N, C-alpha and C. Protein backbone atom coordinates (compact mmCIF):
# COMPACT_ATOMS: atom_id res chain seq x y z
N UNK A 1 40.04 -30.86 -45.90
CA UNK A 1 39.72 -31.02 -44.46
C UNK A 1 38.96 -29.78 -43.97
N UNK A 2 39.14 -28.71 -44.67
CA UNK A 2 38.45 -27.48 -44.21
C UNK A 2 36.93 -27.71 -44.21
N UNK A 3 36.38 -28.11 -45.35
CA UNK A 3 34.91 -28.33 -45.41
C UNK A 3 34.50 -29.39 -44.38
N UNK A 4 35.36 -30.34 -44.15
CA UNK A 4 35.03 -31.40 -43.19
C UNK A 4 35.00 -30.81 -41.78
N UNK A 5 35.85 -29.81 -41.58
CA UNK A 5 35.93 -29.20 -40.23
C UNK A 5 34.78 -28.20 -40.04
N UNK A 6 34.14 -27.87 -41.15
CA UNK A 6 33.05 -26.89 -41.05
C UNK A 6 32.03 -27.35 -39.98
N UNK A 7 31.36 -26.43 -39.39
CA UNK A 7 30.36 -26.80 -38.35
C UNK A 7 29.14 -27.43 -39.00
N UNK A 8 29.37 -28.44 -39.79
CA UNK A 8 28.21 -29.12 -40.42
C UNK A 8 27.56 -30.06 -39.40
N UNK A 9 28.37 -30.96 -38.80
CA UNK A 9 27.79 -31.90 -37.83
C UNK A 9 27.33 -31.15 -36.58
N UNK A 10 27.96 -30.03 -36.31
CA UNK A 10 27.59 -29.26 -35.12
C UNK A 10 26.23 -28.58 -35.37
N UNK A 11 26.02 -28.21 -36.62
CA UNK A 11 24.76 -27.51 -36.94
C UNK A 11 23.59 -28.50 -36.85
N UNK A 12 23.86 -29.74 -37.10
CA UNK A 12 22.77 -30.72 -37.08
C UNK A 12 22.24 -30.91 -35.65
N UNK A 13 23.13 -31.11 -34.70
CA UNK A 13 22.65 -31.31 -33.33
C UNK A 13 22.07 -30.01 -32.77
N UNK A 14 22.55 -28.89 -33.24
CA UNK A 14 22.02 -27.61 -32.72
C UNK A 14 20.52 -27.49 -33.02
N UNK A 15 20.14 -27.59 -34.27
CA UNK A 15 18.70 -27.48 -34.60
C UNK A 15 17.90 -28.57 -33.89
N UNK A 16 18.52 -29.72 -33.70
CA UNK A 16 17.81 -30.82 -33.04
C UNK A 16 17.55 -30.43 -31.58
N UNK A 17 18.49 -29.71 -31.00
CA UNK A 17 18.34 -29.34 -29.58
C UNK A 17 17.42 -28.12 -29.44
N UNK A 18 17.34 -27.36 -30.50
CA UNK A 18 16.51 -26.14 -30.44
C UNK A 18 15.03 -26.52 -30.37
N UNK A 19 14.58 -27.35 -31.27
CA UNK A 19 13.16 -27.72 -31.28
C UNK A 19 12.76 -28.41 -29.97
N UNK A 20 13.73 -29.01 -29.31
CA UNK A 20 13.37 -29.73 -28.06
C UNK A 20 12.88 -28.73 -27.00
N UNK A 21 13.67 -27.73 -26.68
CA UNK A 21 13.21 -26.77 -25.65
C UNK A 21 11.99 -26.00 -26.14
N UNK A 22 11.89 -25.81 -27.43
CA UNK A 22 10.72 -25.08 -27.95
C UNK A 22 9.46 -25.93 -27.81
N UNK A 23 9.66 -27.24 -27.90
CA UNK A 23 8.48 -28.12 -27.80
C UNK A 23 8.00 -28.18 -26.35
N UNK A 24 8.92 -27.99 -25.43
CA UNK A 24 8.53 -28.07 -24.01
C UNK A 24 7.63 -26.89 -23.64
N UNK A 25 8.02 -25.68 -24.00
CA UNK A 25 7.16 -24.53 -23.67
C UNK A 25 5.83 -24.60 -24.42
N UNK A 26 5.83 -25.28 -25.54
CA UNK A 26 4.57 -25.38 -26.31
C UNK A 26 3.48 -26.03 -25.45
N UNK A 27 3.74 -27.19 -24.88
CA UNK A 27 2.73 -27.85 -24.04
C UNK A 27 2.34 -26.95 -22.87
N UNK A 28 3.31 -26.20 -22.39
CA UNK A 28 3.01 -25.32 -21.26
C UNK A 28 2.05 -24.21 -21.73
N UNK A 29 2.20 -23.84 -22.98
CA UNK A 29 1.33 -22.77 -23.51
C UNK A 29 -0.05 -23.33 -23.82
N UNK A 30 -0.12 -24.63 -24.03
CA UNK A 30 -1.41 -25.25 -24.38
C UNK A 30 -2.41 -25.05 -23.23
N UNK A 31 -2.02 -25.39 -22.02
CA UNK A 31 -2.94 -25.23 -20.89
C UNK A 31 -3.34 -23.77 -20.71
N UNK A 32 -2.41 -22.88 -21.04
CA UNK A 32 -2.75 -21.45 -20.91
C UNK A 32 -3.86 -21.10 -21.90
N UNK A 33 -3.75 -21.67 -23.08
CA UNK A 33 -4.76 -21.40 -24.11
C UNK A 33 -6.12 -21.90 -23.61
N UNK A 34 -6.08 -22.98 -22.88
CA UNK A 34 -7.36 -23.54 -22.37
C UNK A 34 -7.91 -22.62 -21.28
N UNK A 35 -6.99 -21.96 -20.58
CA UNK A 35 -7.45 -21.06 -19.51
C UNK A 35 -8.05 -19.78 -20.13
N UNK A 36 -7.56 -19.43 -21.30
CA UNK A 36 -8.08 -18.22 -21.97
C UNK A 36 -9.57 -18.41 -22.26
N UNK A 37 -9.96 -19.49 -22.87
CA UNK A 37 -11.38 -19.73 -23.14
C UNK A 37 -12.18 -19.78 -21.84
N UNK A 38 -11.54 -20.22 -20.79
CA UNK A 38 -12.26 -20.28 -19.50
C UNK A 38 -12.61 -18.84 -19.07
N UNK A 39 -11.71 -17.92 -19.35
CA UNK A 39 -11.96 -16.53 -18.97
C UNK A 39 -13.07 -15.96 -19.86
N UNK A 40 -13.18 -16.46 -21.07
CA UNK A 40 -14.23 -15.97 -21.98
C UNK A 40 -15.61 -16.25 -21.37
N UNK A 41 -15.88 -17.47 -20.97
CA UNK A 41 -17.17 -17.78 -20.35
C UNK A 41 -17.37 -16.95 -19.09
N UNK A 42 -16.28 -16.64 -18.41
CA UNK A 42 -16.41 -15.83 -17.18
C UNK A 42 -16.93 -14.43 -17.56
N UNK A 43 -16.56 -13.96 -18.73
CA UNK A 43 -17.00 -12.62 -19.16
C UNK A 43 -18.49 -12.69 -19.55
N UNK A 44 -18.95 -13.88 -19.87
CA UNK A 44 -20.36 -14.03 -20.27
C UNK A 44 -21.27 -13.86 -19.05
N UNK A 45 -20.97 -14.49 -17.94
CA UNK A 45 -21.82 -14.35 -16.76
C UNK A 45 -21.99 -12.89 -16.34
N UNK A 46 -20.92 -12.08 -16.39
CA UNK A 46 -21.09 -10.67 -16.04
C UNK A 46 -22.25 -10.04 -16.81
N UNK A 47 -22.44 -10.47 -18.05
CA UNK A 47 -23.55 -9.93 -18.85
C UNK A 47 -24.87 -10.22 -18.12
N UNK A 48 -24.98 -11.45 -17.65
CA UNK A 48 -26.20 -11.85 -16.93
C UNK A 48 -26.26 -11.09 -15.61
N UNK A 49 -25.13 -11.04 -14.94
CA UNK A 49 -25.07 -10.35 -13.64
C UNK A 49 -25.38 -8.86 -13.84
N UNK A 50 -24.88 -8.29 -14.90
CA UNK A 50 -25.13 -6.87 -15.13
C UNK A 50 -26.63 -6.64 -15.31
N UNK A 51 -27.25 -7.54 -16.05
CA UNK A 51 -28.69 -7.43 -16.29
C UNK A 51 -29.43 -7.48 -14.96
N UNK A 52 -29.01 -8.41 -14.12
CA UNK A 52 -29.67 -8.56 -12.81
C UNK A 52 -29.36 -7.35 -11.94
N UNK A 53 -28.11 -6.89 -12.02
CA UNK A 53 -27.73 -5.74 -11.19
C UNK A 53 -28.52 -4.51 -11.66
N UNK A 54 -28.62 -4.34 -12.96
CA UNK A 54 -29.33 -3.19 -13.51
C UNK A 54 -30.79 -3.24 -13.05
N UNK A 55 -31.38 -4.41 -13.15
CA UNK A 55 -32.80 -4.56 -12.78
C UNK A 55 -32.94 -4.35 -11.28
N UNK A 56 -32.03 -4.91 -10.51
CA UNK A 56 -32.14 -4.79 -9.05
C UNK A 56 -31.87 -3.34 -8.65
N UNK A 57 -30.94 -2.71 -9.34
CA UNK A 57 -30.55 -1.34 -8.96
C UNK A 57 -31.62 -0.36 -9.42
N UNK A 58 -32.34 -0.69 -10.48
CA UNK A 58 -33.32 0.27 -11.02
C UNK A 58 -34.74 -0.24 -10.92
N UNK A 59 -35.10 -1.16 -11.82
CA UNK A 59 -36.50 -1.62 -11.88
C UNK A 59 -36.84 -2.44 -10.65
N UNK A 60 -36.16 -3.59 -10.51
CA UNK A 60 -36.49 -4.51 -9.40
C UNK A 60 -36.42 -3.76 -8.06
N UNK A 61 -35.32 -3.10 -7.82
CA UNK A 61 -35.14 -2.44 -6.51
C UNK A 61 -36.21 -1.36 -6.35
N UNK A 62 -36.39 -0.56 -7.35
CA UNK A 62 -37.39 0.53 -7.23
C UNK A 62 -38.78 -0.05 -7.02
N UNK A 63 -39.12 -1.02 -7.85
CA UNK A 63 -40.47 -1.62 -7.73
C UNK A 63 -40.61 -2.23 -6.33
N UNK A 64 -39.59 -2.96 -5.92
CA UNK A 64 -39.69 -3.64 -4.60
C UNK A 64 -39.76 -2.57 -3.51
N UNK A 65 -38.90 -1.58 -3.64
CA UNK A 65 -38.89 -0.53 -2.60
C UNK A 65 -40.27 0.15 -2.57
N UNK A 66 -40.79 0.47 -3.72
CA UNK A 66 -42.09 1.14 -3.79
C UNK A 66 -43.17 0.24 -3.19
N UNK A 67 -43.15 -1.03 -3.58
CA UNK A 67 -44.17 -1.96 -3.07
C UNK A 67 -44.01 -2.13 -1.57
N UNK A 68 -42.79 -2.32 -1.14
CA UNK A 68 -42.56 -2.52 0.32
C UNK A 68 -42.90 -1.23 1.06
N UNK A 69 -42.54 -0.12 0.51
CA UNK A 69 -42.79 1.16 1.19
C UNK A 69 -44.31 1.39 1.24
N UNK A 70 -44.94 1.19 0.12
CA UNK A 70 -46.40 1.39 0.07
C UNK A 70 -47.07 0.45 1.06
N UNK A 71 -46.70 -0.82 1.01
CA UNK A 71 -47.31 -1.82 1.89
C UNK A 71 -47.02 -1.46 3.34
N UNK A 72 -45.75 -1.17 3.63
CA UNK A 72 -45.35 -0.87 5.01
C UNK A 72 -46.02 0.43 5.46
N UNK A 73 -45.98 1.44 4.65
CA UNK A 73 -46.56 2.73 5.04
C UNK A 73 -48.07 2.57 5.25
N UNK A 74 -48.71 1.90 4.30
CA UNK A 74 -50.17 1.73 4.41
C UNK A 74 -50.49 0.97 5.69
N UNK A 75 -49.74 -0.14 5.90
CA UNK A 75 -50.02 -0.97 7.08
C UNK A 75 -49.76 -0.16 8.34
N UNK A 76 -48.64 0.52 8.41
CA UNK A 76 -48.31 1.29 9.62
C UNK A 76 -49.34 2.41 9.77
N UNK A 77 -49.63 3.08 8.69
CA UNK A 77 -50.57 4.20 8.75
C UNK A 77 -51.93 3.67 9.25
N UNK A 78 -52.39 2.60 8.62
CA UNK A 78 -53.70 2.05 9.00
C UNK A 78 -53.68 1.62 10.45
N UNK A 79 -52.62 0.95 10.86
CA UNK A 79 -52.55 0.45 12.24
C UNK A 79 -52.56 1.65 13.19
N UNK A 80 -51.75 2.64 12.89
CA UNK A 80 -51.68 3.82 13.78
C UNK A 80 -53.03 4.53 13.77
N UNK A 81 -53.60 4.65 12.59
CA UNK A 81 -54.90 5.34 12.50
C UNK A 81 -55.93 4.61 13.36
N UNK A 82 -55.95 3.30 13.18
CA UNK A 82 -56.95 2.52 13.93
C UNK A 82 -56.70 2.67 15.43
N UNK A 83 -55.41 2.58 15.81
CA UNK A 83 -55.08 2.67 17.24
C UNK A 83 -55.50 4.05 17.75
N UNK A 84 -55.16 5.06 16.99
CA UNK A 84 -55.49 6.42 17.41
C UNK A 84 -57.01 6.54 17.53
N UNK A 85 -57.72 6.04 16.56
CA UNK A 85 -59.19 6.15 16.56
C UNK A 85 -59.75 5.40 17.78
N UNK A 86 -59.19 4.16 17.96
CA UNK A 86 -59.71 3.36 19.09
C UNK A 86 -59.42 4.09 20.39
N UNK A 87 -58.27 4.71 20.44
CA UNK A 87 -57.93 5.42 21.67
C UNK A 87 -58.93 6.55 21.82
């Protein structure tokens, strides 16, 4: 009767109950895994944004500023010069 009293039948339901709760968190972890790849693509756009920011902060911004400044200064200078001359 000793071996019969052993937790043999108890051990069977235990492992059966263990995989159940473990299987529940698994599906919960699945969606998280899908969110991880979503963050990966998010890191990709920064590369593009960085390129644009770098260009805007350095080349684009400088070129635009220089062009706008040159155009604005020339126009204002010419207008003022002409006005002064006409006066």
